[in-house]
């Protein structure tokens, strides 16, 4: 093959690959703790503009936490999203509308420190947006909001069997969700809001 033709094929191949790949450089991440990470991961995966949601642990001092040993951490979800499709503020609002932000002890049937709720912020702009949404939620619900706005902390990815749990184990997840009364509880809090 002639060098000029070879270079043209390589250039055309690179262009085709670049055109086929999504523009990943504009994506951002956000971390939320909303009780059981199975549920938080599930509802974020259906949010407009969300590319991926990963279960894990955040907010504690322990390095390399595991499900059996994550004392001090909150069960959290790292959300990768496209800010051209959903703003950070709308993502935070979406989060609040899928949890009970009034419960200081956990979420629905999952109680204890690991199940408390928080928005982890990584910039002054994120803090401002999260605090503004939190204030709107407090006004709408007319009660004290327990969900904290915290500085970003290291996010530790949970074990593989926790990832996409609702997709991989639909019957088990549905039994958990229904048994817990999650939908019923959130409907009481949020109603038509």
N, C-alpha and C. Protein backbone atom coordinates (compact mmCIF):
# COMPACT_ATOMS: atom_id res chain seq x y z
N UNK A 1 0.85 -1.18 0.00
CA UNK A 1 0.00 0.00 0.00
C UNK A 1 0.89 1.23 0.00
N UNK A 2 0.51 2.24 -0.75
CA UNK A 2 1.30 3.46 -0.81
C UNK A 2 1.17 4.24 0.49
N UNK A 3 2.25 4.91 0.95
CA UNK A 3 2.22 5.65 2.20
C UNK A 3 1.13 6.72 2.25
N UNK A 4 0.89 7.43 1.15
CA UNK A 4 -0.13 8.48 1.14
C UNK A 4 -1.52 7.88 1.31
N UNK A 5 -1.78 6.75 0.63
CA UNK A 5 -3.07 6.08 0.74
C UNK A 5 -3.24 5.52 2.15
N UNK A 6 -2.18 4.95 2.69
CA UNK A 6 -2.21 4.40 4.05
C UNK A 6 -2.53 5.49 5.07
N UNK A 7 -1.88 6.65 4.94
CA UNK A 7 -2.13 7.77 5.85
C UNK A 7 -3.57 8.26 5.73
N UNK A 8 -4.11 8.28 4.49
CA UNK A 8 -5.49 8.71 4.28
C UNK A 8 -6.47 7.75 4.93
N UNK A 9 -6.19 6.45 4.84
CA UNK A 9 -7.08 5.45 5.47
C UNK A 9 -7.05 5.59 6.98
N UNK A 10 -5.85 5.77 7.54
CA UNK A 10 -5.72 5.95 9.00
C UNK A 10 -6.48 7.20 9.44
N UNK A 11 -6.33 8.30 8.69
CA UNK A 11 -7.01 9.55 9.04
C UNK A 11 -8.53 9.38 8.95
N UNK A 12 -9.00 8.72 7.88
CA UNK A 12 -10.44 8.51 7.72
C UNK A 12 -10.98 7.61 8.82
N UNK A 13 -10.22 6.58 9.19
CA UNK A 13 -10.64 5.68 10.27
C UNK A 13 -10.73 6.42 11.59
N UNK A 14 -9.74 7.26 11.86
CA UNK A 14 -9.74 8.04 13.11
C UNK A 14 -10.93 8.98 13.15
N UNK A 15 -11.23 9.62 12.00
CA UNK A 15 -12.38 10.52 11.92
C UNK A 15 -13.68 9.76 12.14
N UNK A 16 -13.81 8.59 11.56
CA UNK A 16 -15.03 7.79 11.73
C UNK A 16 -15.20 7.37 13.18
N UNK A 17 -14.12 6.97 13.83
CA UNK A 17 -14.19 6.57 15.24
C UNK A 17 -14.55 7.77 16.10
N UNK A 18 -13.92 8.92 15.82
CA UNK A 18 -14.20 10.12 16.60
C UNK A 18 -15.65 10.55 16.42
N UNK A 19 -16.17 10.44 15.21
CA UNK A 19 -17.56 10.85 14.94
C UNK A 19 -18.55 9.91 15.61
N UNK A 20 -18.21 8.63 15.69
CA UNK A 20 -19.12 7.65 16.27
C UNK A 20 -19.14 7.72 17.79
N UNK A 21 -18.04 8.15 18.39
CA UNK A 21 -17.98 8.20 19.85
C UNK A 21 -18.70 9.44 20.37
N UNK A 22 -19.48 9.30 21.46
CA UNK A 22 -20.14 10.46 22.02
C UNK A 22 -19.12 11.42 22.62
N UNK A 23 -19.48 12.67 22.69
CA UNK A 23 -18.61 13.68 23.28
C UNK A 23 -18.60 13.51 24.79
N UNK A 24 -17.66 12.74 25.29
CA UNK A 24 -17.60 12.43 26.72
C UNK A 24 -16.98 13.56 27.54
N UNK A 25 -16.23 14.46 26.90
CA UNK A 25 -15.49 15.47 27.65
C UNK A 25 -16.40 16.48 28.36
N UNK A 26 -17.62 16.62 27.92
CA UNK A 26 -18.53 17.58 28.54
C UNK A 26 -19.34 16.98 29.68
N UNK A 27 -19.20 15.71 29.94
CA UNK A 27 -19.97 15.07 31.00
C UNK A 27 -19.42 15.49 32.36
N UNK A 28 -20.33 15.48 33.35
CA UNK A 28 -19.95 15.83 34.72
C UNK A 28 -20.44 14.75 35.66
N UNK A 29 -19.95 14.78 36.88
CA UNK A 29 -20.41 13.83 37.89
C UNK A 29 -20.93 14.56 39.11
N UNK A 30 -21.83 13.90 39.82
CA UNK A 30 -22.39 14.41 41.06
C UNK A 30 -22.63 13.21 41.97
N UNK A 31 -22.52 13.42 43.27
CA UNK A 31 -22.70 12.32 44.22
C UNK A 31 -23.84 12.65 45.17
N UNK A 32 -24.73 11.66 45.34
CA UNK A 32 -25.91 11.80 46.20
C UNK A 32 -26.03 10.59 47.12
N UNK A 33 -26.43 10.83 48.35
CA UNK A 33 -26.74 9.74 49.28
C UNK A 33 -28.23 9.85 49.57
N UNK A 34 -28.97 8.78 49.25
CA UNK A 34 -30.42 8.83 49.40
C UNK A 34 -30.99 7.56 50.00
N UNK A 35 -30.30 6.98 50.95
CA UNK A 35 -30.75 5.71 51.52
C UNK A 35 -30.15 4.56 50.75
N UNK A 36 -30.90 3.52 50.58
CA UNK A 36 -30.43 2.32 49.87
C UNK A 36 -29.92 2.69 48.49
N UNK A 37 -28.66 2.39 48.21
CA UNK A 37 -28.12 2.80 46.92
C UNK A 37 -28.75 2.06 45.75
N UNK A 38 -29.36 0.91 45.97
CA UNK A 38 -30.06 0.22 44.87
C UNK A 38 -31.16 1.12 44.31
N UNK A 39 -31.94 1.73 45.22
CA UNK A 39 -33.06 2.57 44.79
C UNK A 39 -32.58 3.87 44.15
N UNK A 40 -31.56 4.47 44.75
CA UNK A 40 -31.05 5.74 44.21
C UNK A 40 -30.46 5.52 42.82
N UNK A 41 -29.70 4.45 42.66
CA UNK A 41 -29.14 4.13 41.35
C UNK A 41 -30.26 3.93 40.33
N UNK A 42 -31.29 3.19 40.72
CA UNK A 42 -32.40 2.90 39.80
C UNK A 42 -33.11 4.17 39.34
N UNK A 43 -33.46 5.05 40.30
CA UNK A 43 -34.20 6.23 39.84
C UNK A 43 -33.34 7.21 39.06
N UNK A 44 -32.05 7.28 39.33
CA UNK A 44 -31.20 8.17 38.54
C UNK A 44 -30.98 7.63 37.14
N UNK A 45 -30.94 6.32 36.97
CA UNK A 45 -30.71 5.76 35.64
C UNK A 45 -31.83 6.10 34.66
N UNK A 46 -32.99 6.47 35.17
CA UNK A 46 -34.10 6.84 34.28
C UNK A 46 -34.25 8.36 34.15
N UNK A 47 -33.36 9.12 34.77
CA UNK A 47 -33.45 10.58 34.70
C UNK A 47 -32.95 11.08 33.35
N UNK A 48 -33.64 12.06 32.78
CA UNK A 48 -33.18 12.63 31.51
C UNK A 48 -31.79 13.24 31.68
N UNK A 49 -30.90 12.97 30.76
CA UNK A 49 -29.56 13.54 30.81
C UNK A 49 -28.55 12.75 31.61
N UNK A 50 -29.01 11.71 32.32
CA UNK A 50 -28.08 10.89 33.09
C UNK A 50 -27.52 9.79 32.20
N UNK A 51 -26.22 9.68 32.18
CA UNK A 51 -25.52 8.70 31.35
C UNK A 51 -25.26 7.41 32.13
N UNK A 52 -24.97 7.55 33.44
CA UNK A 52 -24.60 6.39 34.24
C UNK A 52 -24.80 6.72 35.72
N UNK A 53 -25.08 5.68 36.50
CA UNK A 53 -25.17 5.81 37.95
C UNK A 53 -24.47 4.61 38.56
N UNK A 54 -23.61 4.85 39.54
CA UNK A 54 -22.80 3.81 40.16
C UNK A 54 -22.99 3.85 41.67
N UNK A 55 -23.27 2.70 42.26
CA UNK A 55 -23.44 2.60 43.71
C UNK A 55 -22.09 2.59 44.42
N UNK A 56 -22.07 3.19 45.60
CA UNK A 56 -20.83 3.21 46.37
C UNK A 56 -21.02 3.78 47.76
N UNK A 57 -19.92 4.26 48.30
CA UNK A 57 -19.89 4.79 49.67
C UNK A 57 -19.14 6.11 49.65
N UNK A 58 -19.58 7.06 50.48
CA UNK A 58 -18.90 8.35 50.55
C UNK A 58 -19.19 9.01 51.90
N UNK A 59 -18.32 9.94 52.26
CA UNK A 59 -18.54 10.75 53.44
C UNK A 59 -17.83 10.29 54.70
N UNK A 60 -17.22 9.13 54.68
CA UNK A 60 -16.54 8.62 55.86
C UNK A 60 -15.03 8.68 55.73
N UNK A 61 -14.35 8.34 56.81
CA UNK A 61 -12.89 8.39 56.83
C UNK A 61 -12.25 7.06 56.44
N UNK A 62 -12.97 5.96 56.56
CA UNK A 62 -12.41 4.64 56.28
C UNK A 62 -12.05 4.50 54.81
N UNK A 63 -10.85 4.01 54.54
CA UNK A 63 -10.40 3.77 53.17
C UNK A 63 -10.90 2.42 52.70
N UNK A 64 -11.21 2.32 51.43
CA UNK A 64 -11.65 1.06 50.82
C UNK A 64 -12.79 0.37 51.57
N UNK A 65 -13.87 1.11 51.83
CA UNK A 65 -14.98 0.48 52.56
C UNK A 65 -15.64 -0.63 51.74
N UNK A 66 -16.27 -1.54 52.44
CA UNK A 66 -17.05 -2.61 51.81
C UNK A 66 -18.44 -2.57 52.41
N UNK A 67 -19.34 -3.35 51.83
CA UNK A 67 -20.70 -3.38 52.36
C UNK A 67 -20.71 -3.85 53.81
N UNK A 68 -19.85 -4.80 54.12
CA UNK A 68 -19.78 -5.33 55.48
C UNK A 68 -19.05 -4.39 56.43
N UNK A 69 -18.32 -3.41 55.88
CA UNK A 69 -17.48 -2.58 56.73
C UNK A 69 -17.40 -1.15 56.16
N UNK A 70 -18.52 -0.43 56.21
CA UNK A 70 -18.52 0.95 55.71
C UNK A 70 -18.97 1.94 56.78
N UNK A 71 -18.69 1.62 58.04
CA UNK A 71 -19.03 2.50 59.16
C UNK A 71 -18.49 3.92 58.90
N UNK A 72 -19.34 4.90 59.10
CA UNK A 72 -18.96 6.29 58.88
C UNK A 72 -19.30 6.82 57.50
N UNK A 73 -19.48 5.91 56.54
CA UNK A 73 -19.84 6.31 55.19
C UNK A 73 -21.36 6.26 55.00
N UNK A 74 -21.83 7.00 54.01
CA UNK A 74 -23.22 6.91 53.58
C UNK A 74 -23.25 6.05 52.32
N UNK A 75 -24.31 5.26 52.14
CA UNK A 75 -24.50 4.61 50.86
C UNK A 75 -24.80 5.74 49.88
N UNK A 76 -24.07 5.78 48.78
CA UNK A 76 -24.16 6.90 47.86
C UNK A 76 -24.16 6.41 46.41
N UNK A 77 -24.50 7.32 45.51
CA UNK A 77 -24.49 7.01 44.09
C UNK A 77 -23.78 8.15 43.36
N UNK A 78 -22.82 7.76 42.52
CA UNK A 78 -22.11 8.73 41.67
C UNK A 78 -22.82 8.75 40.32
N UNK A 79 -23.33 9.91 39.97
CA UNK A 79 -24.12 10.10 38.76
C UNK A 79 -23.28 10.83 37.71
N UNK A 80 -23.17 10.25 36.54
CA UNK A 80 -22.53 10.92 35.40
C UNK A 80 -23.66 11.46 34.53
N UNK A 81 -23.60 12.76 34.25
CA UNK A 81 -24.69 13.39 33.52
C UNK A 81 -24.17 14.37 32.48
N UNK A 82 -25.04 14.70 31.54
CA UNK A 82 -24.73 15.64 30.48
C UNK A 82 -25.38 16.98 30.82
N UNK A 83 -24.59 17.99 31.20
CA UNK A 83 -25.16 19.28 31.59
C UNK A 83 -25.89 20.01 30.45
N UNK A 84 -25.70 19.55 29.22
CA UNK A 84 -26.45 20.13 28.10
C UNK A 84 -27.89 19.62 28.10
N UNK A 85 -28.13 18.50 28.81
CA UNK A 85 -29.47 17.91 28.85
C UNK A 85 -30.17 18.10 30.19
N UNK A 86 -29.39 18.22 31.27
CA UNK A 86 -29.97 18.46 32.60
C UNK A 86 -28.97 19.28 33.41
N UNK A 87 -29.44 20.34 34.01
CA UNK A 87 -28.56 21.18 34.81
C UNK A 87 -28.31 20.51 36.16
N UNK A 88 -27.27 20.95 36.82
CA UNK A 88 -26.98 20.42 38.16
C UNK A 88 -28.15 20.69 39.10
N UNK A 89 -28.72 21.88 39.05
CA UNK A 89 -29.85 22.22 39.92
C UNK A 89 -31.04 21.30 39.67
N UNK A 90 -31.34 21.01 38.40
CA UNK A 90 -32.45 20.10 38.10
C UNK A 90 -32.15 18.68 38.55
N UNK A 91 -30.89 18.28 38.49
CA UNK A 91 -30.49 16.96 38.98
C UNK A 91 -30.71 16.87 40.49
N UNK A 92 -30.34 17.92 41.21
CA UNK A 92 -30.55 17.97 42.65
C UNK A 92 -32.05 17.94 42.96
N UNK A 93 -32.84 18.69 42.22
CA UNK A 93 -34.28 18.70 42.41
C UNK A 93 -34.87 17.30 42.16
N UNK A 94 -34.40 16.64 41.11
CA UNK A 94 -34.84 15.28 40.80
C UNK A 94 -34.53 14.36 41.97
N UNK A 95 -33.34 14.48 42.52
CA UNK A 95 -32.95 13.69 43.69
C UNK A 95 -33.91 13.90 44.85
N UNK A 96 -34.15 15.15 45.21
CA UNK A 96 -35.02 15.44 46.35
C UNK A 96 -36.42 14.85 46.17
N UNK A 97 -36.92 14.86 44.95
CA UNK A 97 -38.28 14.35 44.69
C UNK A 97 -38.37 12.82 44.66
N UNK A 98 -37.25 12.15 44.87
CA UNK A 98 -37.24 10.68 44.90
C UNK A 98 -36.78 10.12 46.25
N UNK A 99 -36.72 10.99 47.26
CA UNK A 99 -36.36 10.58 48.62
C UNK A 99 -37.32 11.22 49.60
N UNK A 100 -37.20 10.81 50.87
CA UNK A 100 -37.89 11.50 51.96
C UNK A 100 -36.85 12.41 52.60
N UNK A 101 -36.81 13.69 52.23
CA UNK A 101 -35.78 14.59 52.75
C UNK A 101 -36.02 15.03 54.18
N UNK A 102 -37.12 14.59 54.79
CA UNK A 102 -37.45 15.01 56.15
C UNK A 102 -36.96 14.03 57.22
N UNK A 103 -36.50 12.86 56.82
CA UNK A 103 -36.13 11.81 57.77
C UNK A 103 -34.65 11.91 58.15
N UNK A 104 -34.34 12.24 59.40
CA UNK A 104 -32.93 12.36 59.81
C UNK A 104 -32.27 11.01 60.12
N UNK A 105 -33.05 9.94 60.10
CA UNK A 105 -32.54 8.63 60.52
C UNK A 105 -32.36 7.61 59.41
N UNK A 106 -32.56 8.01 58.17
CA UNK A 106 -32.42 7.07 57.06
C UNK A 106 -33.53 7.28 56.05
N UNK A 107 -33.91 6.20 55.38
CA UNK A 107 -34.93 6.28 54.34
C UNK A 107 -35.90 5.12 54.45
N UNK A 108 -37.15 5.43 54.64
CA UNK A 108 -38.28 4.51 54.64
C UNK A 108 -37.97 3.34 55.59
N UNK A 109 -37.67 2.16 55.08
CA UNK A 109 -37.41 1.04 55.99
C UNK A 109 -35.93 0.83 56.26
N UNK A 110 -35.07 1.61 55.64
CA UNK A 110 -33.63 1.50 55.88
C UNK A 110 -33.22 2.60 56.85
N UNK A 111 -32.97 2.24 58.08
CA UNK A 111 -32.63 3.22 59.11
C UNK A 111 -31.19 3.03 59.56
N UNK A 112 -30.60 4.10 60.01
CA UNK A 112 -29.23 4.07 60.51
C UNK A 112 -28.37 5.08 59.78
N UNK A 113 -27.19 5.36 60.34
CA UNK A 113 -26.32 6.40 59.78
C UNK A 113 -25.96 6.21 58.31
N UNK A 114 -25.79 4.98 57.84
CA UNK A 114 -25.39 4.75 56.45
C UNK A 114 -26.49 5.12 55.46
N UNK A 115 -27.73 5.26 55.94
CA UNK A 115 -28.86 5.51 55.05
C UNK A 115 -29.36 6.95 55.10
N UNK A 116 -28.63 7.81 55.78
CA UNK A 116 -29.01 9.23 55.81
C UNK A 116 -28.79 9.85 54.44
N UNK A 117 -29.42 11.00 54.22
CA UNK A 117 -29.38 11.62 52.91
C UNK A 117 -28.45 12.83 52.87
N UNK A 118 -27.81 13.01 51.71
CA UNK A 118 -26.90 14.14 51.53
C UNK A 118 -26.68 14.39 50.04
N UNK A 119 -26.37 15.65 49.75
CA UNK A 119 -25.89 16.06 48.44
C UNK A 119 -24.44 16.44 48.66
N UNK A 120 -23.51 15.78 47.96
CA UNK A 120 -22.09 16.10 48.07
C UNK A 120 -21.73 17.09 46.97
N UNK A 121 -21.23 18.26 47.37
CA UNK A 121 -20.93 19.31 46.39
C UNK A 121 -19.43 19.49 46.23
N UNK A 122 -19.00 19.79 45.01
CA UNK A 122 -17.57 19.91 44.75
C UNK A 122 -17.14 21.32 44.31
N UNK A 123 -18.05 22.28 44.38
CA UNK A 123 -17.68 23.66 44.02
C UNK A 123 -18.66 24.62 44.70
N UNK A 124 -18.26 25.89 44.80
CA UNK A 124 -19.19 26.89 45.35
C UNK A 124 -20.49 26.99 44.54
N UNK A 125 -20.39 26.81 43.22
CA UNK A 125 -21.59 26.89 42.38
C UNK A 125 -22.53 25.72 42.68
N UNK A 126 -21.97 24.53 42.85
CA UNK A 126 -22.81 23.39 43.21
C UNK A 126 -23.44 23.58 44.58
N UNK A 127 -22.68 24.10 45.54
CA UNK A 127 -23.24 24.36 46.87
C UNK A 127 -24.39 25.34 46.78
N UNK A 128 -24.22 26.42 46.04
CA UNK A 128 -25.27 27.43 45.90
C UNK A 128 -26.52 26.81 45.29
N UNK A 129 -26.35 26.01 44.24
CA UNK A 129 -27.50 25.37 43.58
C UNK A 129 -28.19 24.38 44.52
N UNK A 130 -27.40 23.56 45.21
CA UNK A 130 -27.96 22.56 46.12
C UNK A 130 -28.69 23.22 47.29
N UNK A 131 -28.11 24.27 47.85
CA UNK A 131 -28.76 24.99 48.96
C UNK A 131 -30.05 25.65 48.50
N UNK A 132 -30.07 26.19 47.28
CA UNK A 132 -31.28 26.82 46.75
C UNK A 132 -32.39 25.79 46.56
N UNK A 133 -32.06 24.63 46.01
CA UNK A 133 -33.06 23.58 45.84
C UNK A 133 -33.54 23.10 47.20
N UNK A 134 -32.63 22.91 48.14
CA UNK A 134 -33.00 22.48 49.50
C UNK A 134 -33.98 23.47 50.13
N UNK A 135 -33.73 24.76 49.96
CA UNK A 135 -34.63 25.79 50.49
C UNK A 135 -36.00 25.74 49.82
N UNK A 136 -36.05 25.50 48.52
CA UNK A 136 -37.33 25.37 47.81
C UNK A 136 -38.11 24.16 48.32
N UNK A 137 -37.39 23.06 48.55
CA UNK A 137 -38.04 21.84 49.06
C UNK A 137 -38.59 22.09 50.46
N UNK A 138 -37.81 22.77 51.29
CA UNK A 138 -38.27 23.07 52.65
C UNK A 138 -39.53 23.93 52.60
N UNK A 139 -39.55 24.89 51.72
CA UNK A 139 -40.74 25.76 51.57
C UNK A 139 -41.93 24.95 51.06
N UNK A 140 -41.71 24.10 50.06
CA UNK A 140 -42.80 23.31 49.48
C UNK A 140 -43.39 22.32 50.48
N UNK A 141 -42.53 21.69 51.28
CA UNK A 141 -43.01 20.70 52.24
C UNK A 141 -43.38 21.32 53.59
N UNK A 142 -42.97 22.55 53.80
CA UNK A 142 -43.27 23.30 55.02
C UNK A 142 -42.86 22.53 56.27
N UNK A 143 -41.66 21.98 56.23
CA UNK A 143 -41.12 21.26 57.38
C UNK A 143 -39.60 21.26 57.30
N UNK A 144 -38.96 20.88 58.39
CA UNK A 144 -37.50 20.84 58.44
C UNK A 144 -36.97 19.77 57.48
N UNK A 145 -35.93 20.11 56.73
CA UNK A 145 -35.29 19.18 55.80
C UNK A 145 -34.04 18.62 56.46
N UNK A 146 -33.95 17.29 56.50
CA UNK A 146 -32.81 16.62 57.14
C UNK A 146 -31.66 16.38 56.17
N UNK A 147 -31.93 16.42 54.89
CA UNK A 147 -30.89 16.16 53.89
C UNK A 147 -29.81 17.24 53.98
N UNK A 148 -28.57 16.80 54.14
CA UNK A 148 -27.45 17.73 54.27
C UNK A 148 -26.85 18.05 52.92
N UNK A 149 -26.24 19.23 52.83
CA UNK A 149 -25.39 19.59 51.71
C UNK A 149 -23.98 19.56 52.29
N UNK A 150 -23.17 18.59 51.79
CA UNK A 150 -21.83 18.35 52.34
C UNK A 150 -20.76 18.57 51.29
N UNK A 151 -19.54 18.87 51.75
CA UNK A 151 -18.43 18.95 50.79
C UNK A 151 -18.17 17.57 50.18
N UNK A 152 -17.77 17.57 48.92
CA UNK A 152 -17.45 16.31 48.24
C UNK A 152 -16.38 15.55 49.03
N UNK A 153 -16.52 14.25 49.03
CA UNK A 153 -15.56 13.36 49.69
C UNK A 153 -15.20 12.26 48.70
N UNK A 154 -14.21 11.49 49.03
CA UNK A 154 -13.84 10.37 48.15
C UNK A 154 -15.04 9.46 47.97
N UNK A 155 -15.28 9.07 46.73
CA UNK A 155 -16.35 8.12 46.42
C UNK A 155 -15.69 6.77 46.18
N UNK A 156 -16.15 5.78 46.92
CA UNK A 156 -15.63 4.42 46.79
C UNK A 156 -16.70 3.57 46.12
N UNK A 157 -16.38 2.97 45.00
CA UNK A 157 -17.34 2.15 44.27
C UNK A 157 -17.66 0.89 45.07
N UNK A 158 -18.95 0.58 45.17
CA UNK A 158 -19.40 -0.63 45.89
C UNK A 158 -19.07 -1.88 45.08
N UNK A 159 -19.20 -2.99 45.73
CA UNK A 159 -18.93 -4.29 45.12
C UNK A 159 -19.80 -4.49 43.88
N UNK A 160 -19.32 -5.31 42.96
CA UNK A 160 -20.01 -5.56 41.69
C UNK A 160 -21.43 -6.06 41.85
N UNK A 161 -21.70 -6.88 42.85
CA UNK A 161 -23.05 -7.42 43.00
C UNK A 161 -24.07 -6.34 43.38
N UNK A 162 -23.60 -5.16 43.81
CA UNK A 162 -24.53 -4.06 44.11
C UNK A 162 -24.82 -3.22 42.86
N UNK A 163 -23.96 -3.26 41.86
CA UNK A 163 -24.13 -2.43 40.67
C UNK A 163 -25.30 -2.95 39.83
N UNK A 164 -26.16 -2.02 39.41
CA UNK A 164 -27.33 -2.36 38.59
C UNK A 164 -28.16 -3.46 39.24
N UNK A 165 -28.25 -3.42 40.55
CA UNK A 165 -28.95 -4.48 41.28
C UNK A 165 -30.39 -4.65 40.80
N UNK A 166 -31.10 -3.54 40.62
CA UNK A 166 -32.51 -3.62 40.20
C UNK A 166 -32.65 -4.25 38.82
N UNK A 167 -31.68 -4.03 37.92
CA UNK A 167 -31.73 -4.62 36.59
C UNK A 167 -31.38 -6.11 36.62
N UNK A 168 -30.36 -6.44 37.39
CA UNK A 168 -29.87 -7.83 37.43
C UNK A 168 -30.76 -8.75 38.27
N UNK A 169 -31.45 -8.17 39.25
CA UNK A 169 -32.28 -8.94 40.18
C UNK A 169 -33.65 -8.31 40.32
N UNK A 170 -34.41 -8.20 39.22
CA UNK A 170 -35.66 -7.45 39.27
C UNK A 170 -36.67 -7.98 40.28
N UNK A 171 -36.83 -9.28 40.39
CA UNK A 171 -37.80 -9.83 41.34
C UNK A 171 -37.39 -9.52 42.78
N UNK A 172 -36.11 -9.69 43.07
CA UNK A 172 -35.63 -9.41 44.43
C UNK A 172 -35.74 -7.93 44.76
N UNK A 173 -35.39 -7.07 43.79
CA UNK A 173 -35.49 -5.63 44.03
C UNK A 173 -36.94 -5.21 44.23
N UNK A 174 -37.84 -5.70 43.40
CA UNK A 174 -39.26 -5.34 43.53
C UNK A 174 -39.82 -5.81 44.87
N UNK A 175 -39.42 -6.99 45.31
CA UNK A 175 -39.87 -7.48 46.63
C UNK A 175 -39.38 -6.55 47.73
N UNK A 176 -38.14 -6.10 47.62
CA UNK A 176 -37.59 -5.15 48.60
C UNK A 176 -38.37 -3.84 48.55
N UNK A 177 -38.54 -3.28 47.34
CA UNK A 177 -39.18 -1.97 47.18
C UNK A 177 -40.62 -1.98 47.68
N UNK A 178 -41.36 -3.03 47.30
CA UNK A 178 -42.76 -3.13 47.72
C UNK A 178 -42.86 -3.41 49.21
N UNK A 179 -42.03 -4.34 49.68
CA UNK A 179 -42.04 -4.66 51.12
C UNK A 179 -41.67 -3.47 51.98
N UNK A 180 -40.79 -2.66 51.48
CA UNK A 180 -40.35 -1.46 52.20
C UNK A 180 -41.44 -0.38 52.18
N UNK A 181 -42.29 -0.39 51.17
CA UNK A 181 -43.33 0.63 51.05
C UNK A 181 -42.81 1.94 50.51
N UNK A 182 -41.73 1.89 49.76
CA UNK A 182 -41.08 3.10 49.27
C UNK A 182 -42.02 3.99 48.44
N UNK A 183 -42.68 3.43 47.45
CA UNK A 183 -43.54 4.24 46.58
C UNK A 183 -44.68 4.88 47.37
N UNK A 184 -45.29 4.11 48.22
CA UNK A 184 -46.41 4.59 49.04
C UNK A 184 -45.94 5.74 49.94
N UNK A 185 -44.80 5.56 50.57
CA UNK A 185 -44.25 6.57 51.48
C UNK A 185 -43.93 7.87 50.73
N UNK A 186 -43.29 7.75 49.59
CA UNK A 186 -42.92 8.96 48.83
C UNK A 186 -44.16 9.67 48.28
N UNK A 187 -45.19 8.90 47.95
CA UNK A 187 -46.44 9.53 47.46
C UNK A 187 -47.08 10.37 48.56
N UNK A 188 -47.02 9.89 49.79
CA UNK A 188 -47.57 10.67 50.92
C UNK A 188 -46.81 11.98 51.07
N UNK A 189 -45.49 11.93 50.96
CA UNK A 189 -44.67 13.13 51.13
C UNK A 189 -44.83 14.10 49.96
N UNK A 190 -44.72 13.57 48.75
CA UNK A 190 -44.66 14.44 47.58
C UNK A 190 -46.00 14.65 46.89
N UNK A 191 -46.94 13.74 47.06
CA UNK A 191 -48.26 13.89 46.43
C UNK A 191 -48.13 14.31 44.98
N UNK A 192 -48.73 15.42 44.64
CA UNK A 192 -48.69 15.92 43.26
C UNK A 192 -47.63 16.99 43.05
N UNK A 193 -46.75 17.17 44.02
CA UNK A 193 -45.73 18.23 43.89
C UNK A 193 -44.69 17.88 42.87
